[in-house]
Amino acid sequence: MELRKFYTAFSYSMPHHEFQELINPANQICKLLLSHFLALQLTLTPVAKNEWAEKDVPKRKMPDNGVTGRWFPALHRDIPEELKGYYEWPLWVENEVKEHRVYNGVVKREVEEEL
């Protein structure tokens, strides 16, 4: 639920000129922040899904990691050498999504092997 506050800030609270700077492909720091935000979203999606499944409330549409994960290449394009170390975790998450080892937080190959 706390992560949703960021969406509110991006969608409703942030002035247009600040949002434009946040998504500016030339702003390397914002690309780094967005990359971490995306990786966090992809790893927290299964937690949120489980929380909503346990409650007697209408199901909310959760992000599709297959679609959302496609944002990584644009965020990871032309990473400056001095920032590469800060991208280690989001690059790992991107690779796990690409290799279909992580999808909605489920490690598919391990789950399939158990079945």
N, C-alpha and C. Protein backbone atom coordinates (compact mmCIF):
# COMPACT_ATOMS: atom_id res chain seq x y z
N MET A 1 0.83 -1.20 0.00
CA MET A 1 0.00 0.00 0.00
C MET A 1 0.87 1.26 0.00
N GLU A 2 2.01 1.18 0.65
CA GLU A 2 2.89 2.35 0.70
C GLU A 2 3.42 2.70 -0.68
N LEU A 3 3.69 1.68 -1.49
CA LEU A 3 4.21 1.91 -2.84
C LEU A 3 3.20 2.70 -3.69
N ARG A 4 1.93 2.52 -3.42
CA ARG A 4 0.90 3.23 -4.17
C ARG A 4 1.00 4.75 -3.98
N LYS A 5 1.57 5.18 -2.87
CA LYS A 5 1.73 6.62 -2.64
C LYS A 5 2.63 7.26 -3.70
N PHE A 6 3.60 6.48 -4.20
CA PHE A 6 4.46 7.00 -5.26
C PHE A 6 3.66 7.23 -6.53
N TYR A 7 2.78 6.29 -6.85
CA TYR A 7 1.94 6.47 -8.04
C TYR A 7 1.07 7.71 -7.90
N THR A 8 0.57 7.93 -6.71
CA THR A 8 -0.24 9.12 -6.47
C THR A 8 0.60 10.37 -6.68
N ALA A 9 1.82 10.35 -6.17
CA ALA A 9 2.70 11.51 -6.35
C ALA A 9 2.98 11.75 -7.82
N PHE A 10 3.26 10.69 -8.57
CA PHE A 10 3.54 10.84 -10.00
C PHE A 10 2.30 11.30 -10.77
N SER A 11 1.16 10.75 -10.40
CA SER A 11 -0.05 10.97 -11.19
C SER A 11 -0.81 12.24 -10.83
N TYR A 12 -0.85 12.57 -9.55
CA TYR A 12 -1.74 13.65 -9.13
C TYR A 12 -1.04 14.81 -8.44
N SER A 13 0.02 14.54 -7.71
CA SER A 13 0.63 15.59 -6.89
C SER A 13 1.80 16.31 -7.56
N MET A 14 2.52 15.61 -8.41
CA MET A 14 3.73 16.17 -9.00
C MET A 14 3.37 17.17 -10.10
N PRO A 15 3.93 18.37 -10.04
CA PRO A 15 3.69 19.33 -11.12
C PRO A 15 4.22 18.79 -12.45
N HIS A 16 3.61 19.21 -13.52
CA HIS A 16 3.95 18.70 -14.85
C HIS A 16 5.44 18.85 -15.16
N HIS A 17 6.02 20.00 -14.87
CA HIS A 17 7.43 20.23 -15.19
C HIS A 17 8.34 19.28 -14.41
N GLU A 18 7.97 18.90 -13.19
CA GLU A 18 8.76 17.95 -12.41
C GLU A 18 8.60 16.54 -12.98
N PHE A 19 7.39 16.19 -13.40
CA PHE A 19 7.18 14.89 -14.01
C PHE A 19 7.98 14.78 -15.31
N GLN A 20 7.99 15.86 -16.10
CA GLN A 20 8.77 15.86 -17.35
C GLN A 20 10.25 15.60 -17.05
N GLU A 21 10.76 16.18 -15.99
CA GLU A 21 12.16 15.96 -15.63
C GLU A 21 12.38 14.53 -15.15
N LEU A 22 11.41 13.98 -14.43
CA LEU A 22 11.51 12.59 -13.95
C LEU A 22 11.63 11.61 -15.11
N ILE A 23 10.91 11.84 -16.18
CA ILE A 23 10.93 10.90 -17.31
C ILE A 23 11.86 11.34 -18.44
N ASN A 24 12.63 12.37 -18.22
CA ASN A 24 13.58 12.86 -19.22
C ASN A 24 14.70 11.82 -19.40
N PRO A 25 14.83 11.23 -20.60
CA PRO A 25 15.85 10.19 -20.81
C PRO A 25 17.28 10.70 -20.63
N ALA A 26 17.49 11.98 -20.68
CA ALA A 26 18.83 12.53 -20.49
C ALA A 26 19.19 12.69 -19.00
N ASN A 27 18.20 12.57 -18.12
CA ASN A 27 18.43 12.72 -16.68
C ASN A 27 18.84 11.36 -16.11
N GLN A 28 20.13 11.14 -15.97
CA GLN A 28 20.64 9.84 -15.55
C GLN A 28 20.23 9.46 -14.12
N ILE A 29 20.14 10.42 -13.24
CA ILE A 29 19.74 10.11 -11.86
C ILE A 29 18.28 9.67 -11.80
N CYS A 30 17.42 10.33 -12.56
CA CYS A 30 16.01 9.92 -12.59
C CYS A 30 15.85 8.55 -13.23
N LYS A 31 16.64 8.25 -14.27
CA LYS A 31 16.59 6.91 -14.87
C LYS A 31 16.99 5.86 -13.83
N LEU A 32 18.00 6.15 -13.03
CA LEU A 32 18.43 5.24 -11.98
C LEU A 32 17.32 5.03 -10.95
N LEU A 33 16.70 6.13 -10.52
CA LEU A 33 15.61 6.03 -9.55
C LEU A 33 14.43 5.23 -10.12
N LEU A 34 14.08 5.51 -11.36
CA LEU A 34 12.96 4.78 -11.99
C LEU A 34 13.30 3.31 -12.16
N SER A 35 14.54 2.99 -12.46
CA SER A 35 14.94 1.60 -12.59
C SER A 35 14.76 0.85 -11.27
N HIS A 36 15.17 1.48 -10.19
CA HIS A 36 15.00 0.86 -8.86
C HIS A 36 13.51 0.77 -8.50
N PHE A 37 12.76 1.79 -8.83
CA PHE A 37 11.33 1.78 -8.54
C PHE A 37 10.65 0.63 -9.29
N LEU A 38 11.01 0.45 -10.55
CA LEU A 38 10.43 -0.63 -11.35
C LEU A 38 10.82 -1.99 -10.77
N ALA A 39 12.07 -2.17 -10.41
CA ALA A 39 12.51 -3.43 -9.82
C ALA A 39 11.77 -3.70 -8.51
N LEU A 40 11.59 -2.67 -7.72
CA LEU A 40 10.85 -2.81 -6.46
C LEU A 40 9.40 -3.20 -6.73
N GLN A 41 8.79 -2.54 -7.71
CA GLN A 41 7.40 -2.87 -8.04
C GLN A 41 7.28 -4.33 -8.47
N LEU A 42 8.20 -4.79 -9.30
CA LEU A 42 8.12 -6.17 -9.80
C LEU A 42 8.34 -7.19 -8.70
N THR A 43 9.15 -6.86 -7.71
CA THR A 43 9.37 -7.81 -6.62
C THR A 43 8.27 -7.74 -5.56
N LEU A 44 7.57 -6.61 -5.46
CA LEU A 44 6.50 -6.49 -4.47
C LEU A 44 5.12 -6.88 -5.00
N THR A 45 4.99 -7.02 -6.30
CA THR A 45 3.69 -7.39 -6.88
C THR A 45 3.12 -8.66 -6.26
N PRO A 46 3.91 -9.73 -6.11
CA PRO A 46 3.31 -10.94 -5.52
C PRO A 46 2.87 -10.75 -4.08
N VAL A 47 3.58 -9.91 -3.34
CA VAL A 47 3.19 -9.63 -1.96
C VAL A 47 1.83 -8.94 -1.95
N ALA A 48 1.69 -7.94 -2.80
CA ALA A 48 0.42 -7.21 -2.88
C ALA A 48 -0.71 -8.13 -3.32
N LYS A 49 -0.43 -8.98 -4.29
CA LYS A 49 -1.47 -9.91 -4.75
C LYS A 49 -1.94 -10.83 -3.64
N ASN A 50 -0.98 -11.33 -2.85
CA ASN A 50 -1.35 -12.20 -1.73
C ASN A 50 -2.13 -11.45 -0.66
N GLU A 51 -1.75 -10.21 -0.41
CA GLU A 51 -2.47 -9.42 0.59
C GLU A 51 -3.92 -9.21 0.17
N TRP A 52 -4.14 -8.88 -1.10
CA TRP A 52 -5.50 -8.65 -1.57
C TRP A 52 -6.29 -9.94 -1.65
N ALA A 53 -5.62 -11.04 -1.95
CA ALA A 53 -6.32 -12.33 -2.05
C ALA A 53 -6.87 -12.75 -0.69
N GLU A 54 -6.18 -12.37 0.39
CA GLU A 54 -6.62 -12.75 1.73
C GLU A 54 -7.76 -11.88 2.25
N LYS A 55 -8.00 -10.76 1.62
CA LYS A 55 -9.05 -9.84 2.09
C LYS A 55 -10.32 -10.07 1.29
N ASP A 56 -11.40 -9.78 1.89
CA ASP A 56 -12.69 -9.92 1.21
C ASP A 56 -13.04 -8.59 0.55
N VAL A 57 -12.24 -8.24 -0.45
CA VAL A 57 -12.44 -7.00 -1.20
C VAL A 57 -12.34 -7.33 -2.68
N PRO A 58 -12.94 -6.49 -3.51
CA PRO A 58 -12.81 -6.74 -4.95
C PRO A 58 -11.34 -6.73 -5.36
N LYS A 59 -10.99 -7.64 -6.25
CA LYS A 59 -9.61 -7.72 -6.71
C LYS A 59 -9.25 -6.48 -7.50
N ARG A 60 -8.05 -6.00 -7.26
CA ARG A 60 -7.53 -4.85 -7.99
C ARG A 60 -6.62 -5.35 -9.09
N LYS A 61 -6.59 -4.61 -10.17
CA LYS A 61 -5.71 -4.97 -11.28
C LYS A 61 -4.27 -4.72 -10.85
N MET A 62 -3.47 -5.75 -10.85
CA MET A 62 -2.07 -5.62 -10.49
C MET A 62 -1.25 -5.51 -11.75
N PRO A 63 -0.07 -4.88 -11.67
CA PRO A 63 0.77 -4.74 -12.86
C PRO A 63 1.14 -6.11 -13.42
N ASP A 64 1.23 -6.19 -14.72
CA ASP A 64 1.67 -7.39 -15.41
C ASP A 64 3.18 -7.29 -15.58
N ASN A 65 3.92 -8.15 -14.89
CA ASN A 65 5.37 -8.05 -14.93
C ASN A 65 5.92 -8.26 -16.33
N GLY A 66 5.23 -9.03 -17.17
CA GLY A 66 5.68 -9.24 -18.53
C GLY A 66 5.65 -7.95 -19.33
N VAL A 67 4.65 -7.13 -19.09
CA VAL A 67 4.53 -5.85 -19.79
C VAL A 67 5.40 -4.80 -19.09
N THR A 68 5.28 -4.70 -17.80
CA THR A 68 6.02 -3.70 -17.04
C THR A 68 7.52 -3.92 -17.17
N GLY A 69 7.94 -5.16 -17.18
CA GLY A 69 9.36 -5.47 -17.30
C GLY A 69 9.98 -4.98 -18.59
N ARG A 70 9.15 -4.72 -19.59
CA ARG A 70 9.68 -4.23 -20.87
C ARG A 70 10.16 -2.78 -20.78
N TRP A 71 9.94 -2.13 -19.65
CA TRP A 71 10.43 -0.76 -19.48
C TRP A 71 11.93 -0.75 -19.19
N PHE A 72 12.47 -1.87 -18.70
CA PHE A 72 13.88 -1.91 -18.32
C PHE A 72 14.85 -1.52 -19.44
N PRO A 73 14.73 -2.06 -20.66
CA PRO A 73 15.74 -1.72 -21.67
C PRO A 73 15.91 -0.21 -21.89
N ALA A 74 14.82 0.52 -21.90
CA ALA A 74 14.94 1.98 -22.09
C ALA A 74 15.64 2.62 -20.89
N LEU A 75 15.36 2.12 -19.70
CA LEU A 75 15.99 2.68 -18.50
C LEU A 75 17.46 2.28 -18.40
N HIS A 76 17.81 1.14 -18.97
CA HIS A 76 19.17 0.63 -18.84
C HIS A 76 20.03 0.91 -20.07
N ARG A 77 19.51 1.65 -21.00
CA ARG A 77 20.26 2.01 -22.19
C ARG A 77 21.29 3.10 -21.85
N ASP A 78 22.51 2.91 -22.29
CA ASP A 78 23.58 3.92 -22.14
C ASP A 78 23.82 4.33 -20.69
N ILE A 79 24.00 3.36 -19.83
CA ILE A 79 24.30 3.66 -18.43
C ILE A 79 25.73 4.22 -18.35
N PRO A 80 25.91 5.39 -17.76
CA PRO A 80 27.26 5.92 -17.61
C PRO A 80 28.11 5.00 -16.73
N GLU A 81 29.35 4.88 -17.07
CA GLU A 81 30.27 3.98 -16.36
C GLU A 81 30.25 4.23 -14.84
N GLU A 82 30.23 5.50 -14.45
CA GLU A 82 30.29 5.83 -13.01
C GLU A 82 29.02 5.46 -12.25
N LEU A 83 27.93 5.12 -12.97
CA LEU A 83 26.68 4.75 -12.30
C LEU A 83 26.39 3.25 -12.37
N LYS A 84 27.17 2.48 -13.11
CA LYS A 84 26.88 1.05 -13.33
C LYS A 84 26.72 0.26 -12.03
N GLY A 85 27.52 0.56 -11.04
CA GLY A 85 27.42 -0.15 -9.77
C GLY A 85 26.07 0.04 -9.09
N TYR A 86 25.45 1.18 -9.31
CA TYR A 86 24.15 1.47 -8.71
C TYR A 86 23.00 0.74 -9.41
N TYR A 87 23.28 0.19 -10.58
CA TYR A 87 22.27 -0.52 -11.36
C TYR A 87 22.31 -2.03 -11.16
N GLU A 88 23.19 -2.51 -10.30
CA GLU A 88 23.38 -3.95 -10.16
C GLU A 88 22.08 -4.69 -9.87
N TRP A 89 21.33 -4.26 -8.89
CA TRP A 89 20.10 -4.96 -8.53
C TRP A 89 19.02 -4.86 -9.60
N PRO A 90 18.71 -3.67 -10.14
CA PRO A 90 17.69 -3.62 -11.19
C PRO A 90 18.09 -4.42 -12.44
N LEU A 91 19.38 -4.45 -12.78
CA LEU A 91 19.82 -5.27 -13.92
C LEU A 91 19.59 -6.75 -13.64
N TRP A 92 19.82 -7.16 -12.38
CA TRP A 92 19.55 -8.56 -12.01
C TRP A 92 18.06 -8.87 -12.14
N VAL A 93 17.20 -7.98 -11.65
CA VAL A 93 15.75 -8.19 -11.75
C VAL A 93 15.35 -8.25 -13.22
N GLU A 94 15.88 -7.36 -14.04
CA GLU A 94 15.57 -7.38 -15.47
C GLU A 94 15.93 -8.73 -16.08
N ASN A 95 17.11 -9.25 -15.77
CA ASN A 95 17.53 -10.52 -16.31
C ASN A 95 16.62 -11.66 -15.85
N GLU A 96 16.24 -11.65 -14.59
CA GLU A 96 15.35 -12.70 -14.07
C GLU A 96 13.99 -12.66 -14.78
N VAL A 97 13.48 -11.47 -15.05
CA VAL A 97 12.21 -11.34 -15.77
C VAL A 97 12.37 -11.84 -17.20
N LYS A 98 13.47 -11.44 -17.87
CA LYS A 98 13.73 -11.87 -19.25
C LYS A 98 13.83 -13.38 -19.37
N GLU A 99 14.48 -14.00 -18.40
CA GLU A 99 14.71 -15.44 -18.42
C GLU A 99 13.50 -16.22 -17.90
N HIS A 100 12.43 -15.51 -17.59
CA HIS A 100 11.18 -16.12 -17.09
C HIS A 100 11.38 -16.88 -15.78
N ARG A 101 12.39 -16.48 -15.03
CA ARG A 101 12.59 -17.09 -13.71
C ARG A 101 11.77 -16.35 -12.66
N VAL A 102 11.46 -15.10 -12.93
CA VAL A 102 10.63 -14.32 -12.02
C VAL A 102 9.50 -13.74 -12.84
N TYR A 103 8.31 -14.06 -12.44
CA TYR A 103 7.12 -13.50 -13.08
C TYR A 103 6.06 -13.43 -12.02
N ASN A 104 5.62 -12.24 -11.72
CA ASN A 104 4.69 -12.02 -10.61
C ASN A 104 5.25 -12.61 -9.32
N GLY A 105 6.58 -12.61 -9.22
CA GLY A 105 7.22 -13.05 -8.00
C GLY A 105 7.36 -14.54 -7.86
N VAL A 106 6.94 -15.31 -8.83
CA VAL A 106 7.03 -16.76 -8.75
C VAL A 106 8.21 -17.21 -9.59
N VAL A 107 9.07 -18.00 -9.00
CA VAL A 107 10.17 -18.57 -9.76
C VAL A 107 9.59 -19.75 -10.53
N LYS A 108 9.32 -19.53 -11.80
CA LYS A 108 8.57 -20.48 -12.60
C LYS A 108 9.23 -21.84 -12.67
N ARG A 109 10.51 -21.89 -12.98
CA ARG A 109 11.17 -23.19 -13.17
C ARG A 109 11.12 -24.02 -11.91
N GLU A 110 11.30 -23.42 -10.76
CA GLU A 110 11.24 -24.17 -9.50
C GLU A 110 9.81 -24.66 -9.25
N VAL A 111 8.83 -23.82 -9.51
CA VAL A 111 7.44 -24.22 -9.30
C VAL A 111 7.07 -25.34 -10.25
N GLU A 112 7.46 -25.23 -11.53
CA GLU A 112 7.13 -26.25 -12.52
C GLU A 112 7.79 -27.58 -12.15
N GLU A 113 9.03 -27.54 -11.63
CA GLU A 113 9.71 -28.76 -11.24
C GLU A 113 8.99 -29.46 -10.08
N GLU A 114 8.39 -28.70 -9.18
CA GLU A 114 7.68 -29.27 -8.06
C GLU A 114 6.40 -29.97 -8.49
N LEU A 115 5.79 -29.48 -9.59
CA LEU A 115 4.55 -30.08 -10.09
C LEU A 115 4.87 -31.34 -10.78
